[in-house]
Amino acid sequence: MSDAIYQVRRPQGKWQIIRCHPAATPASRAFSWRGLWRGLQQCFRLMVGVQDYQKYLQYMRQQHPDQLPMNERDFHRYCLDARFPSQAGKLGKCPC
């Protein structure tokens, strides 16, 4: 192999790193047990297929203010139908 491949070129002049700044700083939030608990609750609910109705309401208010959101019962029925679709005439919704 040629030595030209591994040749290192140093910049000319005096170079000195004064301070490094990260490209993006994440917003730091204080730790709270309540926030951790809420996050875990939402995570476990999503694992078993229970959607978050409050998030849905917040989304509807922000993105579709002119539409009327579903009530909580219809929302959960809609999510259940989306997860376990049934054929016409059959009652099988849940695999258990």
C-alpha atoms as a PDB file:
ATOM      1  CA  MET A   1       0.000   0.000   0.000  1.00  0.00           C
ATOM      2  CA  SER A   2       1.044   3.504  -0.640  1.00  0.00           C
ATOM      3  CA  ASP A   3       1.935   5.813   2.214  1.00  0.00           C
ATOM      4  CA  ALA A   4      -0.079   8.577   0.549  1.00  0.00           C
ATOM      5  CA  ILE A   5      -3.312   6.932   1.720  1.00  0.00           C
ATOM      6  CA  TYR A   6      -2.344   7.223   5.355  1.00  0.00           C
ATOM      7  CA  GLN A   7      -0.731  10.620   5.074  1.00  0.00           C
ATOM      8  CA  VAL A   8      -2.084  13.106   7.605  1.00  0.00           C
ATOM      9  CA  ARG A   9      -2.340  16.771   6.723  1.00  0.00           C
ATOM     10  CA  ARG A  10      -2.414  19.191   9.578  1.00  0.00           C
ATOM     11  CA  PRO A  11      -3.963  22.603   9.092  1.00  0.00           C
ATOM     12  CA  GLN A  12      -1.569  25.467   8.539  1.00  0.00           C
ATOM     13  CA  GLY A  13      -1.436  28.221  11.144  1.00  0.00           C
ATOM     14  CA  LYS A  14      -2.492  28.257  14.739  1.00  0.00           C
ATOM     15  CA  TRP A  15      -5.653  26.242  15.450  1.00  0.00           C
ATOM     16  CA  GLN A  16      -7.280  26.056  18.828  1.00  0.00           C
ATOM     17  CA  ILE A  17     -10.723  24.826  19.828  1.00  0.00           C
ATOM     18  CA  ILE A  18     -12.111  27.360  22.250  1.00  0.00           C
ATOM     19  CA  ARG A  19     -15.539  25.893  22.962  1.00  0.00           C
ATOM     20  CA  CYS A  20     -17.754  23.207  21.426  1.00  0.00           C
ATOM     21  CA  HIS A  21     -21.461  23.898  21.111  1.00  0.00           C
ATOM     22  CA  PRO A  22     -23.884  21.039  20.465  1.00  0.00           C
ATOM     23  CA  ALA A  23     -25.961  21.423  17.330  1.00  0.00           C
ATOM     24  CA  ALA A  24     -29.245  21.005  19.190  1.00  0.00           C
ATOM     25  CA  THR A  25     -29.811  21.122  22.910  1.00  0.00           C
ATOM     26  CA  PRO A  26     -32.695  19.008  24.191  1.00  0.00           C
ATOM     27  CA  ALA A  27     -35.208  20.776  26.382  1.00  0.00           C
ATOM     28  CA  SER A  28     -34.453  19.727  29.916  1.00  0.00           C
ATOM     29  CA  ARG A  29     -37.434  18.954  32.085  1.00  0.00           C
ATOM     30  CA  ALA A  30     -37.295  18.201  35.749  1.00  0.00           C
ATOM     31  CA  PHE A  31     -37.798  14.570  36.707  1.00  0.00           C
ATOM     32  CA  SER A  32     -41.112  13.738  38.326  1.00  0.00           C
ATOM     33  CA  TRP A  33     -42.462  10.424  39.542  1.00  0.00           C
ATOM     34  CA  ARG A  34     -45.945  11.427  38.400  1.00  0.00           C
ATOM     35  CA  GLY A  35     -44.721  12.012  34.845  1.00  0.00           C
ATOM     36  CA  LEU A  36     -42.902   8.680  34.859  1.00  0.00           C
ATOM     37  CA  TRP A  37     -46.010   6.893  36.134  1.00  0.00           C
ATOM     38  CA  ARG A  38     -48.235   8.519  33.495  1.00  0.00           C
ATOM     39  CA  GLY A  39     -45.782   7.565  30.764  1.00  0.00           C
ATOM     40  CA  LEU A  40     -45.692   3.956  31.955  1.00  0.00           C
ATOM     41  CA  GLN A  41     -49.486   3.821  32.134  1.00  0.00           C
ATOM     42  CA  GLN A  42     -49.801   5.086  28.577  1.00  0.00           C
ATOM     43  CA  CYS A  43     -47.122   2.655  27.392  1.00  0.00           C
ATOM     44  CA  PHE A  44     -48.847  -0.368  28.957  1.00  0.00           C
ATOM     45  CA  ARG A  45     -52.261   0.692  27.680  1.00  0.00           C
ATOM     46  CA  LEU A  46     -50.912   0.984  24.143  1.00  0.00           C
ATOM     47  CA  MET A  47     -49.264  -2.450  24.469  1.00  0.00           C
ATOM     48  CA  VAL A  48     -52.592  -4.104  25.160  1.00  0.00           C
ATOM     49  CA  GLY A  49     -54.461  -1.996  22.622  1.00  0.00           C
ATOM     50  CA  VAL A  50     -56.257   0.556  24.797  1.00  0.00           C
ATOM     51  CA  GLN A  51     -56.006   3.925  23.102  1.00  0.00           C
ATOM     52  CA  ASP A  52     -55.690   7.215  24.990  1.00  0.00           C
ATOM     53  CA  TYR A  53     -58.972   9.116  24.768  1.00  0.00           C
ATOM     54  CA  GLN A  54     -57.520  12.331  26.236  1.00  0.00           C
ATOM     55  CA  LYS A  55     -54.822  12.412  23.538  1.00  0.00           C
ATOM     56  CA  TYR A  56     -57.513  11.896  20.929  1.00  0.00           C
ATOM     57  CA  LEU A  57     -59.505  14.843  22.288  1.00  0.00           C
ATOM     58  CA  GLN A  58     -56.414  17.039  22.330  1.00  0.00           C
ATOM     59  CA  TYR A  59     -55.616  16.045  18.738  1.00  0.00           C
ATOM     60  CA  MET A  60     -59.177  16.763  17.583  1.00  0.00           C
ATOM     61  CA  ARG A  61     -59.142  20.197  19.242  1.00  0.00           C
ATOM     62  CA  GLN A  62     -55.848  21.125  17.591  1.00  0.00           C
ATOM     63  CA  GLN A  63     -56.160  19.553  14.151  1.00  0.00           C
ATOM     64  CA  HIS A  64     -59.910  19.396  13.498  1.00  0.00           C
ATOM     65  CA  PRO A  65     -61.637  22.115  15.562  1.00  0.00           C
ATOM     66  CA  ASP A  66     -64.651  22.169  13.221  1.00  0.00           C
ATOM     67  CA  GLN A  67     -65.453  18.447  13.725  1.00  0.00           C
ATOM     68  CA  LEU A  68     -67.255  17.007  16.719  1.00  0.00           C
ATOM     69  CA  PRO A  69     -65.122  14.316  18.443  1.00  0.00           C
ATOM     70  CA  MET A  70     -66.522  10.877  19.245  1.00  0.00           C
ATOM     71  CA  ASN A  71     -67.672  10.179  22.761  1.00  0.00           C
ATOM     72  CA  GLU A  72     -65.491   7.880  24.845  1.00  0.00           C
ATOM     73  CA  ARG A  73     -67.606   4.774  24.277  1.00  0.00           C
ATOM     74  CA  ASP A  74     -67.642   5.214  20.482  1.00  0.00           C
ATOM     75  CA  PHE A  75     -63.920   5.960  20.491  1.00  0.00           C
ATOM     76  CA  HIS A  76     -63.073   2.709  22.276  1.00  0.00           C
ATOM     77  CA  ARG A  77     -65.480   0.761  20.031  1.00  0.00           C
ATOM     78  CA  TYR A  78     -63.816   2.293  16.957  1.00  0.00           C
ATOM     79  CA  CYS A  79     -60.344   1.305  18.247  1.00  0.00           C
ATOM     80  CA  LEU A  80     -61.514  -2.220  19.043  1.00  0.00           C
ATOM     81  CA  ASP A  81     -63.044  -2.606  15.582  1.00  0.00           C
ATOM     82  CA  ALA A  82     -59.855  -1.319  13.986  1.00  0.00           C
ATOM     83  CA  ARG A  83     -57.741  -3.791  15.931  1.00  0.00           C
ATOM     84  CA  PHE A  84     -60.004  -6.838  15.626  1.00  0.00           C
ATOM     85  CA  PRO A  85     -62.062  -6.499  12.439  1.00  0.00           C
ATOM     86  CA  SER A  86     -65.007  -8.848  12.130  1.00  0.00           C
ATOM     87  CA  GLN A  87     -66.620 -10.286   9.047  1.00  0.00           C
ATOM     88  CA  ALA A  88     -70.253  -9.623   8.289  1.00  0.00           C
ATOM     89  CA  GLY A  89     -72.530 -11.798  10.411  1.00  0.00           C
ATOM     90  CA  LYS A  90     -69.829 -12.940  12.818  1.00  0.00           C
ATOM     91  CA  LEU A  91     -69.467 -11.645  16.351  1.00  0.00           C
ATOM     92  CA  GLY A  92     -65.781 -12.471  16.846  1.00  0.00           C
ATOM     93  CA  LYS A  93     -64.079  -9.265  17.984  1.00  0.00           C
ATOM     94  CA  CYS A  94     -61.501 -10.331  20.534  1.00  0.00           C
ATOM     95  CA  PRO A  95     -59.245 -13.351  19.971  1.00  0.00           C
ATOM     96  CA  CYS A  96     -59.589 -14.479  23.606  1.00  0.00           C
END
